[in-house]
Amino acid sequence: MPEIVAEDRRSTVTEPGAAATAESRFRARVETLERRLRERDEQRRAMLHIMGDLNESNKRLANQRKAMLHILADYEQDRRRLASQTGRLDNSRRAVLHILQDSHKDKLHLEASRKAMIHIMGDLRETTAEMQRREQELRDKQEQLVQAGKLATLGELTTGVAHELNNPLNNIGLFVGNAVDLIELGVTDKEQIVRELRHATQQIRKATEIISHLRTFGRAAPVSREPISLRRVIERALSLMQEQLRLREIEVTVDLGSEEPVVVGNPIQLEQVFINLLANARDAVAGSPRKAIRISGSVGSAGVEVAFADTGEGIPSGLERRIFDPFFTTKEVGKGTGLGLSITYGIIKEHGGTISVVSPPGEGATFLVHLPLASADT
């Protein structure tokens, strides 16, 4: 594949005040969820304690019932020997009365425990419903965030795409103009005229494909999953980024091997992942003496690994784990929101994969994306 160029490390740009407001709202919602979780844990512990009391009460009740049956048997025998065993019979009667009193108390305690458990279960159901509603709200907000990041990426790609569309449009004008000149000159060779018009048709088809690609990438990704060629997704991401990379004189090397890895996922979301990584590498090499990006891939027994390596300054020591946090960025104020890699991390996780970064001092950064291969049945 020809040399091409890579995209923005963080695809969305917002005002500092808006980012702070969004961050405070997000943290407030996280604190609410954590408080709800603690309350639910306390209720669960209370329920487990009550269940333990119920089990202990049932054991005591069973033992007492056995004792009562034994005493009643003795009582019947003592009745036959009433004359000689009157004292023993009185003691047994008192014991039976005592056991019955304990049994009554245990029954009252059991009834109270059951009522408490019913109340706790009701609270637990309400808490669970509230948690589910909050989780759905978070999922909706995340989807909106991903879509916003995608639209911001499209905005950055406008210059390159305009150049890509300008070439076929100029070619169309040239071929159609040639055909018009031939007709006006009265050329009788129809094949030459048809050839010029076919060339124009091919350029129209190329421009249509570019616009169709942008429309597909820009719309909200469906939740469905399907078997897709990872090589094809990477090539489509490169096709959108190649003009930006070329204008910045960034050397791009692609080596995905001879195998054709197939994964189960959403092609639009995965394309956004690779565009974010290309943009991240593009910004990383902006001030480097040698501007280069290398994309490589290897297939294992159960998964595929794609590496995006750049020749930038790398990631400062100790920040390797933080770069995937929402709103964390090493860029200057106003030049990044810290959402690009966070969105990338979320999409990869939803696809059952992982993403990590390796950044030896002075050797740039390498992002490693692991995705599970599609099964043979799929």
Protein backbone atom coordinates (compact mmCIF):
# COMPACT_ATOMS: atom_id res chain seq x y z
CA MET A 1 0.00 0.00 0.00
CA PRO A 2 1.33 3.50 -0.78
CA GLU A 3 2.67 5.74 1.90
CA ILE A 4 -0.04 7.56 3.80
CA VAL A 5 -0.50 9.58 7.01
CA ALA A 6 -2.21 9.26 10.55
CA GLU A 7 -4.84 11.16 12.63
CA ASP A 8 -5.57 12.96 15.88
CA ARG A 9 -4.79 11.53 19.25
CA ARG A 10 -7.95 12.78 20.74
CA SER A 11 -10.70 13.34 18.18
CA THR A 12 -12.89 15.75 20.12
CA VAL A 13 -12.21 19.38 21.12
CA THR A 14 -14.39 21.17 23.66
CA GLU A 15 -14.10 24.35 25.73
CA PRO A 16 -12.42 23.88 29.17
CA GLY A 17 -15.53 25.03 30.99
CA ALA A 18 -17.77 22.56 29.17
CA ALA A 19 -15.30 19.75 29.83
CA ALA A 20 -15.18 20.61 33.56
CA THR A 21 -19.01 20.69 33.74
CA ALA A 22 -19.29 17.35 31.96
CA GLU A 23 -16.62 15.91 34.23
CA SER A 24 -18.38 17.10 37.42
CA ARG A 25 -21.71 15.70 36.23
CA PHE A 26 -20.06 12.40 35.33
CA ARG A 27 -18.34 12.22 38.74
CA ALA A 28 -21.58 13.08 40.54
CA ARG A 29 -23.38 10.26 38.77
CA VAL A 30 -20.53 7.85 39.59
CA GLU A 31 -20.73 8.87 43.30
CA THR A 32 -24.52 8.35 43.27
CA LEU A 33 -24.05 4.89 41.78
CA GLU A 34 -21.37 4.02 44.35
CA ARG A 35 -23.65 5.17 47.20
CA ARG A 36 -26.50 3.07 45.79
CA LEU A 37 -24.16 0.07 45.58
CA ARG A 38 -23.09 0.52 49.24
CA GLU A 39 -26.74 0.73 50.33
CA ARG A 40 -27.60 -2.38 48.37
CA ASP A 41 -24.60 -4.24 49.93
CA GLU A 42 -25.77 -3.22 53.44
CA GLN A 43 -29.28 -4.46 52.68
CA ARG A 44 -27.89 -7.73 51.36
CA ARG A 45 -25.82 -8.23 54.51
CA ALA A 46 -28.88 -7.52 56.65
CA MET A 47 -30.89 -10.04 54.65
CA LEU A 48 -28.13 -12.68 55.02
CA HIS A 49 -28.06 -12.05 58.79
CA ILE A 50 -31.83 -12.46 59.01
CA MET A 51 -31.68 -15.65 56.93
CA GLY A 52 -29.07 -16.98 59.36
CA ASP A 53 -31.39 -16.16 62.29
CA LEU A 54 -34.23 -17.93 60.47
CA ASN A 55 -32.14 -21.04 59.93
CA GLU A 56 -31.07 -21.07 63.59
CA SER A 57 -34.67 -20.61 64.70
CA ASN A 58 -35.82 -23.47 62.47
CA LYS A 59 -33.12 -25.73 63.95
CA ARG A 60 -34.18 -24.81 67.48
CA LEU A 61 -37.82 -25.34 66.60
CA ALA A 62 -37.07 -28.78 65.16
CA ASN A 63 -35.08 -29.80 68.27
CA GLN A 64 -37.81 -28.55 70.53
CA ARG A 65 -40.46 -30.44 68.60
CA LYS A 66 -38.43 -33.64 68.94
CA ALA A 67 -38.09 -33.05 72.66
CA MET A 68 -41.82 -32.39 72.95
CA LEU A 69 -42.67 -35.65 71.17
CA HIS A 70 -40.33 -37.54 73.49
CA ILE A 71 -41.90 -35.94 76.55
CA LEU A 72 -45.41 -36.69 75.29
CA ALA A 73 -44.44 -40.34 74.89
CA ASP A 74 -43.18 -40.37 78.47
CA TYR A 75 -46.35 -38.63 79.50
CA GLU A 76 -48.48 -41.44 78.09
CA GLN A 77 -46.41 -44.03 79.88
CA ASP A 78 -46.66 -42.07 83.11
CA ARG A 79 -50.42 -41.96 82.80
CA ARG A 80 -50.51 -45.78 82.94
CA ARG A 81 -48.38 -45.64 86.06
CA LEU A 82 -50.12 -42.63 87.55
CA ALA A 83 -50.09 -43.92 91.06
CA SER A 84 -46.33 -44.47 91.34
CA GLN A 85 -45.07 -41.69 89.06
CA THR A 86 -47.19 -38.60 89.86
CA GLY A 87 -44.14 -36.42 90.48
CA ARG A 88 -42.52 -37.36 87.21
CA LEU A 89 -45.75 -36.55 85.33
CA ASP A 90 -45.95 -33.08 86.87
CA ASN A 91 -42.36 -32.32 85.88
CA SER A 92 -43.05 -33.46 82.33
CA ARG A 93 -46.09 -31.24 82.12
CA ARG A 94 -44.10 -28.24 83.24
CA ALA A 95 -41.44 -29.06 80.68
CA VAL A 96 -44.03 -29.28 77.94
CA LEU A 97 -45.47 -25.90 78.93
CA HIS A 98 -42.00 -24.36 78.89
CA ILE A 99 -41.23 -25.78 75.45
CA LEU A 100 -44.56 -24.55 74.09
CA GLN A 101 -43.81 -21.07 75.38
CA ASP A 102 -40.43 -21.08 73.68
CA SER A 103 -42.01 -22.36 70.49
CA HIS A 104 -44.55 -19.53 70.55
CA LYS A 105 -41.81 -16.95 71.03
CA ASP A 106 -39.83 -18.45 68.20
CA LYS A 107 -42.85 -18.32 65.94
CA LEU A 108 -43.36 -14.63 66.74
CA HIS A 109 -39.68 -13.95 66.06
CA LEU A 110 -39.89 -15.89 62.80
CA GLU A 111 -42.93 -13.90 61.68
CA ALA A 112 -41.19 -10.61 62.47
CA SER A 113 -38.11 -11.77 60.55
CA ARG A 114 -40.23 -12.70 57.55
CA LYS A 115 -41.85 -9.26 57.51
CA ALA A 116 -38.43 -7.62 57.72
CA MET A 117 -37.16 -9.78 54.86
CA ILE A 118 -40.15 -8.88 52.70
CA HIS A 119 -39.49 -5.19 53.38
CA ILE A 120 -35.80 -5.57 52.51
CA MET A 121 -36.64 -7.45 49.31
CA GLY A 122 -38.94 -4.62 48.28
CA ASP A 123 -36.20 -2.06 48.89
CA LEU A 124 -33.75 -4.24 46.99
CA ARG A 125 -36.06 -4.44 43.98
CA GLU A 126 -36.45 -0.68 43.96
CA THR A 127 -32.68 -0.19 44.24
CA THR A 128 -32.05 -2.69 41.44
CA ALA A 129 -34.55 -0.95 39.16
CA GLU A 130 -32.91 2.40 39.89
CA MET A 131 -29.46 0.95 39.18
CA GLN A 132 -30.66 -0.46 35.87
CA ARG A 133 -32.12 2.90 34.91
CA ARG A 134 -28.87 4.66 35.79
CA GLU A 135 -26.83 2.11 33.83
CA GLN A 136 -29.06 2.63 30.80
CA GLU A 137 -28.57 6.39 31.11
CA LEU A 138 -24.80 5.90 31.23
CA ARG A 139 -24.92 3.65 28.16
CA ASP A 140 -26.97 6.25 26.30
CA LYS A 141 -24.54 9.02 27.27
CA GLN A 142 -21.60 6.86 26.18
CA GLU A 143 -23.21 6.24 22.79
CA GLN A 144 -23.79 9.98 22.39
CA LEU A 145 -20.16 10.62 23.34
CA VAL A 146 -18.89 8.09 20.79
CA GLN A 147 -21.06 9.65 18.07
CA ALA A 148 -19.86 13.14 18.98
CA GLY A 149 -16.26 11.96 18.76
CA LYS A 150 -16.96 10.42 15.37
CA LEU A 151 -18.48 13.64 14.03
CA ALA A 152 -15.51 15.61 15.34
CA THR A 153 -13.21 13.21 13.50
CA LEU A 154 -15.18 13.78 10.31
CA GLY A 155 -14.71 17.51 10.76
CA GLU A 156 -10.94 17.04 10.91
CA LEU A 157 -11.02 14.83 7.82
CA THR A 158 -12.81 17.45 5.75
CA THR A 159 -9.65 18.89 4.15
CA GLY A 160 -8.31 15.54 3.04
CA VAL A 161 -11.66 14.32 1.78
CA ALA A 162 -12.21 17.54 -0.15
CA HIS A 163 -8.90 16.92 -1.92
CA GLU A 164 -9.88 13.32 -2.67
CA LEU A 165 -13.18 14.49 -4.16
CA ASN A 166 -11.50 17.29 -6.11
CA ASN A 167 -9.38 14.86 -8.14
CA PRO A 168 -12.27 12.78 -9.55
CA LEU A 169 -14.33 15.96 -10.16
CA ASN A 170 -11.49 17.50 -12.17
CA ASN A 171 -11.09 14.25 -14.09
CA ILE A 172 -14.82 14.14 -14.81
CA GLY A 173 -14.68 17.68 -16.21
CA LEU A 174 -11.68 16.75 -18.34
CA PHE A 175 -13.21 13.58 -19.80
CA VAL A 176 -16.61 15.16 -20.43
CA GLY A 177 -14.90 18.19 -22.01
CA ASN A 178 -12.94 15.87 -24.33
CA ALA A 179 -16.15 14.15 -25.37
CA VAL A 180 -17.87 17.50 -26.01
CA ASP A 181 -14.90 18.69 -28.12
CA LEU A 182 -14.96 15.49 -30.16
CA ILE A 183 -18.70 15.88 -30.79
CA GLU A 184 -18.35 19.56 -31.72
CA LEU A 185 -15.47 18.76 -34.08
CA GLY A 186 -17.70 16.21 -35.78
CA VAL A 187 -15.44 13.25 -35.03
CA THR A 188 -17.13 10.15 -36.36
CA ASP A 189 -15.20 7.75 -34.12
CA LYS A 190 -17.92 6.97 -31.58
CA GLU A 191 -15.69 4.59 -29.69
CA GLN A 192 -13.35 7.41 -28.72
CA ILE A 193 -16.28 9.50 -27.44
CA VAL A 194 -17.71 6.51 -25.52
CA ARG A 195 -14.26 5.84 -24.03
CA GLU A 196 -14.05 9.39 -22.70
CA LEU A 197 -17.54 9.13 -21.20
CA ARG A 198 -16.72 5.79 -19.60
CA HIS A 199 -13.67 7.33 -18.00
CA ALA A 200 -15.91 10.06 -16.63
CA THR A 201 -18.34 7.42 -15.31
CA GLN A 202 -15.49 5.67 -13.48
CA GLN A 203 -14.52 8.92 -11.78
CA ILE A 204 -18.16 9.51 -10.80
CA ARG A 205 -18.21 6.04 -9.25
CA LYS A 206 -15.02 6.80 -7.33
CA ALA A 207 -16.45 10.06 -5.94
CA THR A 208 -19.67 8.24 -5.00
CA GLU A 209 -17.69 5.63 -3.07
CA ILE A 210 -15.87 8.33 -1.12
CA ILE A 211 -19.13 10.06 -0.19
CA SER A 212 -20.77 6.73 0.68
CA HIS A 213 -17.83 5.86 2.93
CA LEU A 214 -18.16 9.16 4.78
CA ARG A 215 -21.92 8.72 5.21
CA THR A 216 -21.44 5.20 6.54
CA PHE A 217 -18.76 6.28 8.99
CA GLY A 218 -20.69 9.33 10.16
CA ARG A 219 -23.99 7.69 11.01
CA ALA A 220 -24.64 6.06 14.38
CA ALA A 221 -23.26 2.54 14.47
CA PRO A 222 -25.86 -0.23 14.89
CA VAL A 223 -25.54 -2.57 17.87
CA SER A 224 -25.32 -5.63 15.64
CA ARG A 225 -22.16 -7.71 15.25
CA GLU A 226 -21.04 -9.54 12.13
CA PRO A 227 -17.94 -11.33 10.83
CA ILE A 228 -15.64 -8.71 9.29
CA SER A 229 -12.19 -8.64 7.71
CA LEU A 230 -9.87 -6.72 10.01
CA ARG A 231 -7.58 -5.91 7.09
CA ARG A 232 -10.49 -4.30 5.21
CA VAL A 233 -11.43 -2.14 8.24
CA ILE A 234 -7.85 -0.90 8.61
CA GLU A 235 -7.64 -0.10 4.90
CA ARG A 236 -10.87 1.93 5.09
CA ALA A 237 -9.51 3.89 8.07
CA LEU A 238 -6.29 4.58 6.17
CA SER A 239 -8.25 5.75 3.12
CA LEU A 240 -9.86 8.50 5.21
CA MET A 241 -6.58 9.50 6.86
CA GLN A 242 -4.15 9.19 3.95
CA GLU A 243 -4.46 12.81 2.75
CA GLN A 244 -3.81 14.22 6.23
CA LEU A 245 -0.79 11.95 6.60
CA ARG A 246 0.53 12.89 3.16
CA LEU A 247 0.18 16.64 3.79
CA ARG A 248 2.19 16.27 7.03
CA GLU A 249 4.84 14.18 5.23
CA ILE A 250 4.35 11.21 7.54
CA GLU A 251 5.71 7.89 6.32
CA VAL A 252 3.25 5.02 6.86
CA THR A 253 4.25 1.37 6.66
CA VAL A 254 1.64 -1.39 6.72
CA ASP A 255 2.51 -5.06 7.29
CA LEU A 256 -0.53 -7.14 8.24
CA GLY A 257 0.95 -10.45 7.14
CA SER A 258 -0.42 -12.92 4.63
CA GLU A 259 -3.33 -14.19 6.74
CA GLU A 260 -6.83 -12.68 6.61
CA PRO A 261 -7.99 -12.38 10.25
CA VAL A 262 -11.77 -12.32 10.68
CA VAL A 263 -13.34 -11.01 13.87
CA VAL A 264 -16.94 -10.62 15.00
CA GLY A 265 -17.72 -6.97 15.56
CA ASN A 266 -19.10 -3.70 14.30
CA PRO A 267 -17.08 -2.42 11.30
CA ILE A 268 -18.00 1.24 11.87
CA GLN A 269 -16.94 1.17 15.54
CA LEU A 270 -13.68 -0.65 14.78
CA GLU A 271 -12.93 1.80 11.97
CA GLN A 272 -13.33 4.61 14.49
CA VAL A 273 -10.85 2.82 16.78
CA PHE A 274 -8.19 2.67 14.07
CA ILE A 275 -8.83 6.26 12.97
CA ASN A 276 -8.38 7.41 16.59
CA LEU A 277 -5.10 5.49 16.87
CA LEU A 278 -3.86 6.90 13.54
CA ALA A 279 -4.80 10.43 14.66
CA ASN A 280 -3.05 9.82 17.97
CA ALA A 281 0.13 8.73 16.17
CA ARG A 282 -0.17 11.64 13.72
CA ASP A 283 -0.09 14.16 16.56
CA ALA A 284 2.68 12.26 18.38
CA VAL A 285 5.15 12.55 15.49
CA ALA A 286 4.33 16.17 14.66
CA GLY A 287 7.56 17.52 16.18
CA SER A 288 9.82 14.52 15.53
CA PRO A 289 12.81 14.62 13.18
CA ARG A 290 11.57 11.45 11.49
CA LYS A 291 7.82 11.20 11.07
CA ALA A 292 6.83 7.57 10.64
CA ILE A 293 3.99 5.25 11.62
CA ARG A 294 4.11 1.47 11.35
CA ILE A 295 1.00 -0.74 11.40
CA SER A 296 1.66 -4.45 11.85
CA GLY A 297 -0.49 -7.48 12.60
CA SER A 298 -0.04 -11.05 13.77
CA VAL A 299 -2.56 -13.88 14.16
CA GLY A 300 -2.44 -16.34 17.07
CA SER A 301 -4.44 -19.45 17.88
CA ALA A 302 -7.44 -17.58 19.26
CA GLY A 303 -6.85 -13.89 18.58
CA VAL A 304 -5.23 -11.24 16.43
CA GLU A 305 -2.89 -8.44 17.54
CA VAL A 306 -2.59 -5.15 15.67
CA ALA A 307 0.24 -2.77 16.62
CA PHE A 308 0.33 0.98 15.88
CA ALA A 309 3.89 2.23 16.45
CA ASP A 310 5.07 5.84 16.01
CA THR A 311 8.39 7.67 16.19
CA GLY A 312 7.14 10.38 18.51
CA GLU A 313 8.42 11.38 21.94
CA GLY A 314 6.52 8.59 23.64
CA ILE A 315 4.41 8.66 26.78
CA PRO A 316 5.87 10.09 30.01
CA SER A 317 6.74 7.41 32.56
CA GLY A 318 3.89 6.59 34.94
CA LEU A 319 1.11 7.75 32.61
CA GLU A 320 0.72 4.51 30.59
CA ARG A 321 -2.36 3.45 32.55
CA ARG A 322 -3.95 6.90 32.81
CA ILE A 323 -4.06 7.72 29.10
CA PHE A 324 -7.21 5.60 28.66
CA ASP A 325 -9.06 7.51 31.42
CA PRO A 326 -11.84 9.86 30.26
CA PHE A 327 -10.78 13.52 29.91
CA PHE A 328 -7.11 12.73 30.55
CA THR A 329 -4.79 14.30 27.98
CA THR A 330 -1.14 15.28 27.72
CA LYS A 331 -1.92 17.95 25.13
CA GLU A 332 -2.02 21.66 25.81
CA VAL A 333 -5.25 23.26 27.00
CA GLY A 334 -7.65 23.70 24.09
CA LYS A 335 -5.94 21.09 21.88
CA GLY A 336 -7.56 17.94 23.20
CA THR A 337 -10.37 16.66 25.40
CA GLY A 338 -8.88 13.33 26.41
CA LEU A 339 -11.78 11.34 24.96
CA GLY A 340 -10.23 9.71 21.87
CA LEU A 341 -8.35 6.92 23.65
CA SER A 342 -11.12 6.57 26.23
CA ILE A 343 -13.68 5.93 23.46
CA THR A 344 -11.22 3.55 21.78
CA TYR A 345 -10.78 1.62 25.05
CA GLY A 346 -14.56 1.30 25.51
CA ILE A 347 -15.15 0.02 21.95
CA ILE A 348 -12.34 -2.57 22.19
CA LYS A 349 -13.67 -3.77 25.54
CA GLU A 350 -17.19 -4.14 24.11
CA HIS A 351 -15.68 -6.37 21.38
CA GLY A 352 -14.13 -8.67 23.99
CA GLY A 353 -10.61 -7.40 23.35
CA THR A 354 -7.91 -5.42 25.13
CA ILE A 355 -5.74 -2.41 24.32
CA SER A 356 -2.42 -1.51 25.94
CA VAL A 357 0.53 0.76 25.26
CA VAL A 358 4.29 0.20 25.35
CA SER A 359 6.51 3.28 25.41
CA PRO A 360 10.26 2.73 26.03
CA PRO A 361 12.06 6.01 26.79
CA GLY A 362 12.96 7.83 23.59
CA GLU A 363 11.49 5.17 21.28
CA GLY A 364 7.99 6.46 20.65
CA ALA A 365 4.81 4.64 21.62
CA THR A 366 3.24 1.40 20.41
CA PHE A 367 -0.47 0.71 20.96
CA LEU A 368 -1.35 -3.00 20.96
CA VAL A 369 -4.93 -4.03 20.13
CA HIS A 370 -5.94 -7.64 20.85
CA LEU A 371 -9.22 -8.95 19.41
CA PRO A 372 -10.63 -12.51 19.51
CA LEU A 373 -10.89 -14.30 16.18
CA ALA A 374 -14.30 -15.35 14.87
CA SER A 375 -15.05 -19.03 15.54
CA ALA A 376 -15.16 -21.53 12.69
CA ASP A 377 -18.96 -21.85 13.06
CA THR A 378 -19.35 -18.08 12.73
